[in-house]
């Protein structure tokens, strides 16, 4: 639009110091300092399932497993992420002791919280991955109705 003086006026910017609500830019919702929230998508056997981003690009649903010391992915996830097994680990599981191949990921991210250069186990028997203490072990974790909060310890 042009003003009476012929100057171009951009109607998507503030006129007289305000914008109509529908044109007001939405500021990103910043997490409270040290608090990261991941939306619970569903529950499997009453265990929360959240969306997790791997290597900055690929997303998978993962169960947040307070009993898992490390993150465990499925063979299908490993294949999609191009994880190359680099050794094995003996681990205690609810079904006894088992050997799992190990691989490395660039990063794991959920709810704004991110860790880098992560070694993960690959379980041949899981249908969904387990997000373990290697991801959230240095945080206080609160499981709410619809979100999980990962909070810096003070």
N, C-alpha and C. Protein backbone atom coordinates (compact mmCIF):
# COMPACT_ATOMS: atom_id res chain seq x y z
N UNK A 1 0.84 -1.16 0.00
CA UNK A 1 0.00 0.00 0.00
C UNK A 1 0.89 1.24 0.00
N UNK A 2 0.40 2.33 -0.56
CA UNK A 2 1.16 3.59 -0.59
C UNK A 2 0.47 4.60 0.33
N UNK A 3 1.31 5.35 1.04
CA UNK A 3 0.79 6.40 1.91
C UNK A 3 0.43 7.61 1.05
N UNK A 4 -0.15 8.63 1.68
CA UNK A 4 -0.55 9.84 0.94
C UNK A 4 0.66 10.56 0.37
N UNK A 5 1.86 10.32 0.93
CA UNK A 5 3.07 10.95 0.41
C UNK A 5 3.72 10.10 -0.68
N UNK A 6 3.12 8.95 -1.01
CA UNK A 6 3.65 8.08 -2.05
C UNK A 6 4.62 7.02 -1.54
N UNK A 7 4.87 7.04 -0.25
CA UNK A 7 5.78 6.06 0.35
C UNK A 7 5.09 4.71 0.44
N UNK A 8 5.84 3.62 0.15
CA UNK A 8 5.28 2.27 0.25
C UNK A 8 5.19 1.88 1.72
N UNK A 9 4.03 1.37 2.12
CA UNK A 9 3.81 0.91 3.49
C UNK A 9 3.59 -0.59 3.44
N UNK A 10 4.41 -1.32 4.19
CA UNK A 10 4.29 -2.77 4.26
C UNK A 10 3.27 -3.11 5.33
N UNK A 11 2.13 -3.65 4.94
CA UNK A 11 1.07 -3.93 5.89
C UNK A 11 1.34 -5.15 6.76
N UNK A 12 2.39 -5.88 6.46
CA UNK A 12 2.73 -7.02 7.31
C UNK A 12 3.64 -6.58 8.45
N UNK A 13 4.00 -5.29 8.50
CA UNK A 13 4.80 -4.79 9.60
C UNK A 13 3.96 -3.84 10.43
N UNK A 14 4.46 -3.51 11.58
CA UNK A 14 3.73 -2.70 12.54
C UNK A 14 3.38 -1.32 11.98
N UNK A 15 2.15 -0.94 12.18
CA UNK A 15 1.69 0.40 11.87
C UNK A 15 1.21 0.97 13.21
N UNK A 16 1.76 2.10 13.63
CA UNK A 16 1.42 2.70 14.93
C UNK A 16 1.80 1.79 16.09
N UNK A 17 2.80 0.96 15.91
CA UNK A 17 3.32 0.17 17.02
C UNK A 17 2.62 -1.13 17.33
N UNK A 18 1.65 -1.54 16.53
CA UNK A 18 1.02 -2.83 16.80
C UNK A 18 0.69 -3.53 15.50
N UNK A 19 0.48 -4.81 15.60
CA UNK A 19 0.07 -5.62 14.46
C UNK A 19 -1.25 -6.27 14.78
N UNK A 20 -2.09 -6.47 13.76
CA UNK A 20 -3.27 -7.28 14.03
C UNK A 20 -2.83 -8.65 14.51
N UNK A 21 -3.63 -9.27 15.35
CA UNK A 21 -3.25 -10.56 15.95
C UNK A 21 -2.85 -11.59 14.89
N UNK A 22 -3.59 -11.64 13.79
CA UNK A 22 -3.29 -12.65 12.77
C UNK A 22 -1.98 -12.40 12.04
N UNK A 23 -1.42 -11.19 12.16
CA UNK A 23 -0.14 -10.88 11.52
C UNK A 23 1.02 -10.82 12.50
N UNK A 24 0.74 -10.93 13.80
CA UNK A 24 1.79 -10.87 14.80
C UNK A 24 2.65 -12.12 14.73
N UNK A 25 3.97 -11.95 14.57
CA UNK A 25 4.83 -13.13 14.53
C UNK A 25 4.76 -13.87 15.86
N UNK A 26 4.76 -15.18 15.77
CA UNK A 26 4.72 -16.00 16.97
C UNK A 26 6.16 -16.28 17.38
N UNK A 27 6.48 -15.84 18.59
CA UNK A 27 7.83 -16.09 19.10
C UNK A 27 7.94 -17.56 19.46
N UNK A 28 9.09 -18.17 19.21
CA UNK A 28 9.24 -19.56 19.60
C UNK A 28 9.06 -19.69 21.10
N UNK A 29 8.41 -20.75 21.52
CA UNK A 29 8.20 -20.95 22.95
C UNK A 29 9.49 -21.48 23.54
N UNK A 30 10.15 -20.63 24.26
CA UNK A 30 11.41 -21.00 24.87
C UNK A 30 11.14 -21.80 26.14
N UNK A 31 11.91 -22.86 26.31
CA UNK A 31 11.78 -23.66 27.53
C UNK A 31 12.25 -22.81 28.70
N UNK A 32 11.64 -23.04 29.86
CA UNK A 32 12.15 -22.40 31.06
C UNK A 32 13.60 -22.83 31.19
N UNK A 33 14.38 -22.00 31.75
CA UNK A 33 15.80 -22.29 31.86
C UNK A 33 16.03 -23.67 32.45
N UNK A 34 16.68 -24.52 31.69
CA UNK A 34 17.03 -25.84 32.17
C UNK A 34 15.91 -26.87 32.17
N UNK A 35 14.76 -26.54 31.56
CA UNK A 35 13.63 -27.47 31.51
C UNK A 35 13.34 -27.81 30.05
N UNK A 36 13.35 -29.09 29.74
CA UNK A 36 13.06 -29.56 28.40
C UNK A 36 11.81 -30.42 28.47
N UNK A 37 10.86 -30.20 27.55
CA UNK A 37 9.61 -30.95 27.57
C UNK A 37 9.41 -31.72 26.28
N UNK A 38 9.07 -32.98 26.41
CA UNK A 38 8.76 -33.83 25.26
C UNK A 38 7.32 -34.30 25.40
N UNK A 39 6.54 -34.09 24.38
CA UNK A 39 5.12 -34.50 24.39
C UNK A 39 5.01 -36.02 24.37
N UNK A 40 4.15 -36.54 25.24
CA UNK A 40 3.89 -37.98 25.24
C UNK A 40 2.87 -38.26 24.13
N UNK A 41 3.27 -39.08 23.16
CA UNK A 41 2.39 -39.40 22.04
C UNK A 41 1.37 -40.46 22.39
N UNK A 42 1.81 -41.42 23.20
CA UNK A 42 0.94 -42.52 23.64
C UNK A 42 1.69 -43.27 24.73
N UNK A 43 1.08 -44.33 25.23
CA UNK A 43 1.74 -45.18 26.21
C UNK A 43 1.66 -46.62 25.74
N UNK A 44 2.75 -47.35 25.92
CA UNK A 44 2.79 -48.78 25.61
C UNK A 44 3.07 -49.50 26.91
N UNK A 45 2.15 -50.38 27.32
CA UNK A 45 2.25 -51.05 28.61
C UNK A 45 2.45 -50.01 29.72
N UNK A 46 1.76 -48.89 29.58
CA UNK A 46 1.78 -47.76 30.51
C UNK A 46 3.13 -47.02 30.54
N UNK A 47 4.01 -47.29 29.59
CA UNK A 47 5.30 -46.60 29.50
C UNK A 47 5.16 -45.49 28.45
N UNK A 48 5.57 -44.25 28.81
CA UNK A 48 5.43 -43.14 27.87
C UNK A 48 6.26 -43.32 26.60
N UNK A 49 5.66 -42.95 25.47
CA UNK A 49 6.33 -42.98 24.17
C UNK A 49 6.42 -41.55 23.66
N UNK A 50 7.64 -41.12 23.31
CA UNK A 50 7.86 -39.77 22.79
C UNK A 50 8.56 -39.86 21.43
N UNK A 51 8.50 -38.76 20.69
CA UNK A 51 9.21 -38.70 19.41
C UNK A 51 10.64 -38.24 19.66
N UNK A 52 11.58 -38.97 19.08
CA UNK A 52 13.00 -38.69 19.26
C UNK A 52 13.64 -38.51 17.89
N UNK A 53 14.50 -37.50 17.78
CA UNK A 53 15.20 -37.22 16.52
C UNK A 53 16.63 -37.75 16.62
N UNK A 54 17.02 -38.52 15.61
CA UNK A 54 18.35 -39.11 15.57
C UNK A 54 19.16 -38.46 14.46
N UNK A 55 20.42 -38.20 14.75
CA UNK A 55 21.36 -37.62 13.78
C UNK A 55 20.82 -36.34 13.15
N UNK A 56 19.97 -35.64 13.90
CA UNK A 56 19.46 -34.34 13.45
C UNK A 56 18.38 -34.40 12.40
N UNK A 57 18.00 -35.60 11.91
CA UNK A 57 17.03 -35.63 10.81
C UNK A 57 15.94 -36.68 10.93
N UNK A 58 16.26 -37.87 11.39
CA UNK A 58 15.26 -38.94 11.36
C UNK A 58 14.57 -39.09 12.70
N UNK A 59 13.24 -39.21 12.65
CA UNK A 59 12.43 -39.28 13.87
C UNK A 59 11.84 -40.67 14.03
N UNK A 60 11.88 -41.13 15.29
CA UNK A 60 11.29 -42.42 15.64
C UNK A 60 10.61 -42.27 16.99
N UNK A 61 9.57 -43.05 17.20
CA UNK A 61 8.94 -43.13 18.51
C UNK A 61 9.81 -44.02 19.40
N UNK A 62 9.98 -43.58 20.65
CA UNK A 62 10.80 -44.33 21.61
C UNK A 62 10.08 -44.36 22.95
N UNK A 63 10.22 -45.48 23.65
CA UNK A 63 9.72 -45.58 25.01
C UNK A 63 10.77 -45.00 25.95
N UNK A 64 10.34 -44.17 26.90
CA UNK A 64 11.25 -43.62 27.90
C UNK A 64 11.34 -44.67 29.00
N UNK A 65 12.51 -45.32 29.09
CA UNK A 65 12.68 -46.46 29.98
C UNK A 65 13.59 -46.10 31.15
N UNK A 66 12.97 -45.86 32.30
CA UNK A 66 13.75 -45.47 33.48
C UNK A 66 14.65 -46.60 33.98
N UNK A 67 14.41 -47.82 33.52
CA UNK A 67 15.23 -48.96 33.94
C UNK A 67 16.35 -49.30 32.99
N UNK A 68 16.44 -48.60 31.86
CA UNK A 68 17.48 -48.89 30.86
C UNK A 68 18.68 -47.98 31.09
N UNK A 69 19.85 -48.57 31.26
CA UNK A 69 21.03 -47.73 31.47
C UNK A 69 21.46 -47.03 30.18
N UNK A 70 21.18 -47.65 29.04
CA UNK A 70 21.54 -47.05 27.77
C UNK A 70 20.39 -47.08 26.79
N UNK A 71 20.54 -46.38 25.70
CA UNK A 71 19.52 -46.34 24.66
C UNK A 71 19.66 -47.57 23.78
N UNK A 72 18.52 -48.17 23.46
CA UNK A 72 18.49 -49.38 22.64
C UNK A 72 17.58 -49.10 21.45
N UNK A 73 18.08 -49.37 20.24
CA UNK A 73 17.28 -49.18 19.04
C UNK A 73 16.95 -50.53 18.40
N UNK A 74 16.00 -50.50 17.50
CA UNK A 74 15.60 -51.72 16.80
C UNK A 74 16.48 -51.93 15.57
N UNK A 75 16.50 -53.14 15.01
CA UNK A 75 17.25 -53.37 13.77
C UNK A 75 16.75 -52.48 12.63
N UNK A 76 15.44 -52.25 12.54
CA UNK A 76 14.90 -51.40 11.48
C UNK A 76 15.40 -49.96 11.63
N UNK A 77 15.47 -49.48 12.87
CA UNK A 77 16.00 -48.14 13.12
C UNK A 77 17.48 -48.08 12.73
N UNK A 78 18.24 -49.09 13.13
CA UNK A 78 19.67 -49.13 12.82
C UNK A 78 19.89 -49.08 11.31
N UNK A 79 19.07 -49.84 10.58
CA UNK A 79 19.20 -49.85 9.12
C UNK A 79 18.87 -48.48 8.53
N UNK A 80 17.77 -47.88 8.98
CA UNK A 80 17.36 -46.57 8.47
C UNK A 80 18.39 -45.49 8.79
N UNK A 81 19.06 -45.62 9.94
CA UNK A 81 20.06 -44.63 10.35
C UNK A 81 21.46 -44.94 9.83
N UNK A 82 21.62 -46.08 9.18
CA UNK A 82 22.93 -46.46 8.66
C UNK A 82 23.93 -46.78 9.75
N UNK A 83 23.44 -47.32 10.87
CA UNK A 83 24.34 -47.65 11.99
C UNK A 83 25.13 -48.90 11.64
N UNK A 84 26.44 -48.80 11.77
CA UNK A 84 27.33 -49.92 11.51
C UNK A 84 27.75 -50.50 12.86
N UNK A 85 27.43 -51.78 13.12
CA UNK A 85 27.84 -52.37 14.40
C UNK A 85 29.35 -52.30 14.59
N UNK A 86 29.75 -51.91 15.81
CA UNK A 86 31.17 -51.75 16.14
C UNK A 86 31.49 -52.45 17.45
N UNK A 87 31.11 -53.68 17.57
CA UNK A 87 31.35 -54.43 18.79
C UNK A 87 30.05 -54.88 19.42
N UNK A 88 30.17 -55.47 20.61
CA UNK A 88 28.99 -55.99 21.31
C UNK A 88 29.09 -55.64 22.79
N UNK A 89 27.96 -55.83 23.48
CA UNK A 89 27.91 -55.62 24.92
C UNK A 89 27.01 -56.69 25.53
N UNK A 90 27.41 -57.18 26.72
CA UNK A 90 26.57 -58.09 27.50
C UNK A 90 25.69 -57.22 28.38
N UNK A 91 24.40 -57.49 28.42
CA UNK A 91 23.48 -56.70 29.23
C UNK A 91 22.47 -57.59 29.92
N UNK A 92 22.07 -57.16 31.11
CA UNK A 92 21.01 -57.86 31.84
C UNK A 92 19.68 -57.29 31.38
N UNK A 93 18.78 -58.17 31.02
CA UNK A 93 17.44 -57.77 30.58
C UNK A 93 16.41 -58.47 31.46
N UNK A 94 15.15 -58.09 31.37
CA UNK A 94 14.12 -58.81 32.12
C UNK A 94 14.07 -60.30 31.78
N UNK A 95 14.56 -60.67 30.59
CA UNK A 95 14.56 -62.07 30.17
C UNK A 95 15.90 -62.78 30.41
N UNK A 96 16.79 -62.14 31.15
CA UNK A 96 18.10 -62.72 31.41
C UNK A 96 19.20 -61.94 30.73
N UNK A 97 20.39 -62.50 30.69
CA UNK A 97 21.53 -61.83 30.07
C UNK A 97 21.51 -62.04 28.56
N UNK A 98 21.90 -61.00 27.82
CA UNK A 98 21.90 -61.07 26.36
C UNK A 98 23.08 -60.27 25.80
N UNK A 99 23.46 -60.60 24.59
CA UNK A 99 24.52 -59.87 23.89
C UNK A 99 23.89 -59.02 22.80
N UNK A 100 24.27 -57.75 22.75
CA UNK A 100 23.73 -56.82 21.76
C UNK A 100 24.85 -56.20 20.95
N UNK A 101 24.64 -56.04 19.63
CA UNK A 101 25.59 -55.25 18.84
C UNK A 101 25.53 -53.79 19.28
N UNK A 102 26.65 -53.09 19.15
CA UNK A 102 26.73 -51.66 19.47
C UNK A 102 27.00 -50.86 18.22
N UNK A 103 26.44 -49.67 18.16
CA UNK A 103 26.69 -48.75 17.06
C UNK A 103 26.77 -47.33 17.61
N UNK A 104 27.12 -46.40 16.75
CA UNK A 104 27.30 -45.01 17.18
C UNK A 104 26.40 -44.09 16.37
N UNK A 105 25.80 -43.12 17.07
CA UNK A 105 24.96 -42.10 16.44
C UNK A 105 25.59 -40.72 16.65
N UNK A 106 25.35 -39.82 15.72
CA UNK A 106 25.85 -38.46 15.84
C UNK A 106 25.16 -37.73 16.98
N UNK A 107 23.81 -37.89 17.07
CA UNK A 107 23.07 -37.19 18.12
C UNK A 107 21.71 -37.84 18.36
N UNK A 108 21.19 -37.58 19.56
CA UNK A 108 19.83 -37.95 19.92
C UNK A 108 19.22 -36.70 20.54
N UNK A 109 17.99 -36.35 20.10
CA UNK A 109 17.34 -35.14 20.58
C UNK A 109 15.87 -35.41 20.87
N UNK A 110 15.37 -34.87 21.99
CA UNK A 110 13.95 -34.93 22.32
C UNK A 110 13.60 -33.76 23.22
N UNK A 111 12.54 -33.07 22.90
CA UNK A 111 12.06 -31.98 23.73
C UNK A 111 13.04 -30.83 23.90
N UNK A 112 13.96 -30.67 22.96
CA UNK A 112 14.96 -29.62 23.05
C UNK A 112 16.25 -30.06 23.72
N UNK A 113 16.25 -31.21 24.36
CA UNK A 113 17.44 -31.76 24.99
C UNK A 113 18.18 -32.60 23.97
N UNK A 114 19.49 -32.45 23.90
CA UNK A 114 20.26 -33.16 22.89
C UNK A 114 21.56 -33.69 23.48
N UNK A 115 21.95 -34.89 23.05
CA UNK A 115 23.27 -35.42 23.38
C UNK A 115 23.95 -35.81 22.08
N UNK A 116 25.26 -35.79 22.09
CA UNK A 116 26.01 -36.06 20.86
C UNK A 116 26.95 -37.24 21.03
N UNK A 117 27.30 -37.84 19.88
CA UNK A 117 28.26 -38.93 19.85
C UNK A 117 27.87 -40.05 20.82
N UNK A 118 26.76 -40.70 20.51
CA UNK A 118 26.13 -41.65 21.43
C UNK A 118 26.31 -43.08 20.94
N UNK A 119 26.74 -43.96 21.85
CA UNK A 119 26.80 -45.38 21.56
C UNK A 119 25.46 -45.99 21.96
N UNK A 120 24.85 -46.75 21.04
CA UNK A 120 23.55 -47.38 21.30
C UNK A 120 23.67 -48.88 21.06
N UNK A 121 22.82 -49.62 21.76
CA UNK A 121 22.71 -51.06 21.54
C UNK A 121 21.60 -51.30 20.52
N UNK A 122 21.72 -52.40 19.81
CA UNK A 122 20.70 -52.79 18.82
C UNK A 122 20.11 -54.12 19.28
N UNK A 123 18.82 -54.10 19.59
CA UNK A 123 18.16 -55.32 20.07
C UNK A 123 17.40 -55.99 18.95
N UNK A 124 17.68 -57.26 18.68
CA UNK A 124 16.97 -57.96 17.61
C UNK A 124 15.51 -58.25 17.95
N UNK A 125 15.13 -58.12 19.24
CA UNK A 125 13.78 -58.53 19.62
C UNK A 125 12.81 -57.38 19.90
N UNK A 126 13.29 -56.15 19.90
CA UNK A 126 12.40 -55.01 20.19
C UNK A 126 11.64 -54.56 18.95
N UNK A 127 10.41 -54.11 19.18
CA UNK A 127 9.61 -53.51 18.11
C UNK A 127 9.63 -51.99 18.19
N UNK A 128 10.01 -51.46 19.34
CA UNK A 128 10.14 -50.01 19.55
C UNK A 128 11.38 -49.79 20.40
N UNK A 129 12.09 -48.70 20.14
CA UNK A 129 13.33 -48.42 20.86
C UNK A 129 13.10 -47.96 22.28
N UNK A 130 14.17 -48.03 23.08
CA UNK A 130 14.14 -47.61 24.48
C UNK A 130 15.11 -46.46 24.68
N UNK A 131 14.62 -45.36 25.18
CA UNK A 131 15.46 -44.20 25.49
C UNK A 131 15.90 -44.35 26.94
N UNK A 132 17.21 -44.51 27.17
CA UNK A 132 17.71 -44.84 28.49
C UNK A 132 18.45 -43.71 29.19
N UNK A 133 19.11 -44.09 30.29
CA UNK A 133 19.79 -43.13 31.16
C UNK A 133 20.94 -42.40 30.48
N UNK A 134 21.51 -42.95 29.42
CA UNK A 134 22.57 -42.21 28.74
C UNK A 134 22.02 -40.90 28.18
N UNK A 135 20.71 -40.83 27.93
CA UNK A 135 20.08 -39.61 27.43
C UNK A 135 19.69 -38.67 28.56
N UNK A 136 19.04 -39.18 29.60
CA UNK A 136 18.45 -38.30 30.62
C UNK A 136 19.01 -38.53 32.03
N UNK A 137 20.05 -39.33 32.17
CA UNK A 137 20.54 -39.71 33.49
C UNK A 137 21.06 -38.57 34.35
N UNK A 138 21.47 -37.46 33.75
CA UNK A 138 21.95 -36.33 34.56
C UNK A 138 20.85 -35.29 34.77
N UNK A 139 19.60 -35.66 34.48
CA UNK A 139 18.44 -34.76 34.62
C UNK A 139 17.48 -35.33 35.65
N UNK A 140 16.69 -34.45 36.25
CA UNK A 140 15.54 -34.89 37.02
C UNK A 140 14.41 -35.08 36.02
N UNK A 141 13.72 -36.19 36.08
CA UNK A 141 12.68 -36.52 35.11
C UNK A 141 11.32 -36.52 35.80
N UNK A 142 10.37 -35.79 35.22
CA UNK A 142 9.00 -35.77 35.72
C UNK A 142 8.08 -36.23 34.61
N UNK A 143 7.34 -37.30 34.88
CA UNK A 143 6.39 -37.81 33.89
C UNK A 143 5.02 -37.26 34.26
N UNK A 144 4.48 -36.42 33.41
CA UNK A 144 3.16 -35.83 33.63
C UNK A 144 2.16 -36.55 32.74
N UNK A 145 0.93 -36.07 32.72
CA UNK A 145 -0.11 -36.71 31.91
C UNK A 145 0.24 -36.71 30.43
N UNK A 146 0.66 -35.54 29.90
CA UNK A 146 0.87 -35.39 28.46
C UNK A 146 2.31 -35.07 28.05
N UNK A 147 3.18 -34.81 29.02
CA UNK A 147 4.57 -34.46 28.70
C UNK A 147 5.52 -35.11 29.70
N UNK A 148 6.75 -35.24 29.25
CA UNK A 148 7.83 -35.61 30.15
C UNK A 148 8.74 -34.40 30.24
N UNK A 149 9.11 -34.04 31.45
CA UNK A 149 10.04 -32.93 31.66
C UNK A 149 11.40 -33.49 32.05
N UNK A 150 12.43 -32.99 31.38
CA UNK A 150 13.81 -33.28 31.73
C UNK A 150 14.35 -31.97 32.28
N UNK A 151 14.73 -31.94 33.54
CA UNK A 151 15.09 -30.70 34.21
C UNK A 151 16.53 -30.78 34.71
N UNK A 152 17.32 -29.71 34.44
CA UNK A 152 18.67 -29.65 34.96
C UNK A 152 18.65 -29.79 36.47
N UNK A 153 19.60 -30.55 37.00
CA UNK A 153 19.70 -30.66 38.46
C UNK A 153 20.41 -29.44 38.98
N UNK A 154 19.94 -28.95 40.12
CA UNK A 154 20.59 -27.77 40.69
C UNK A 154 21.56 -28.14 41.78
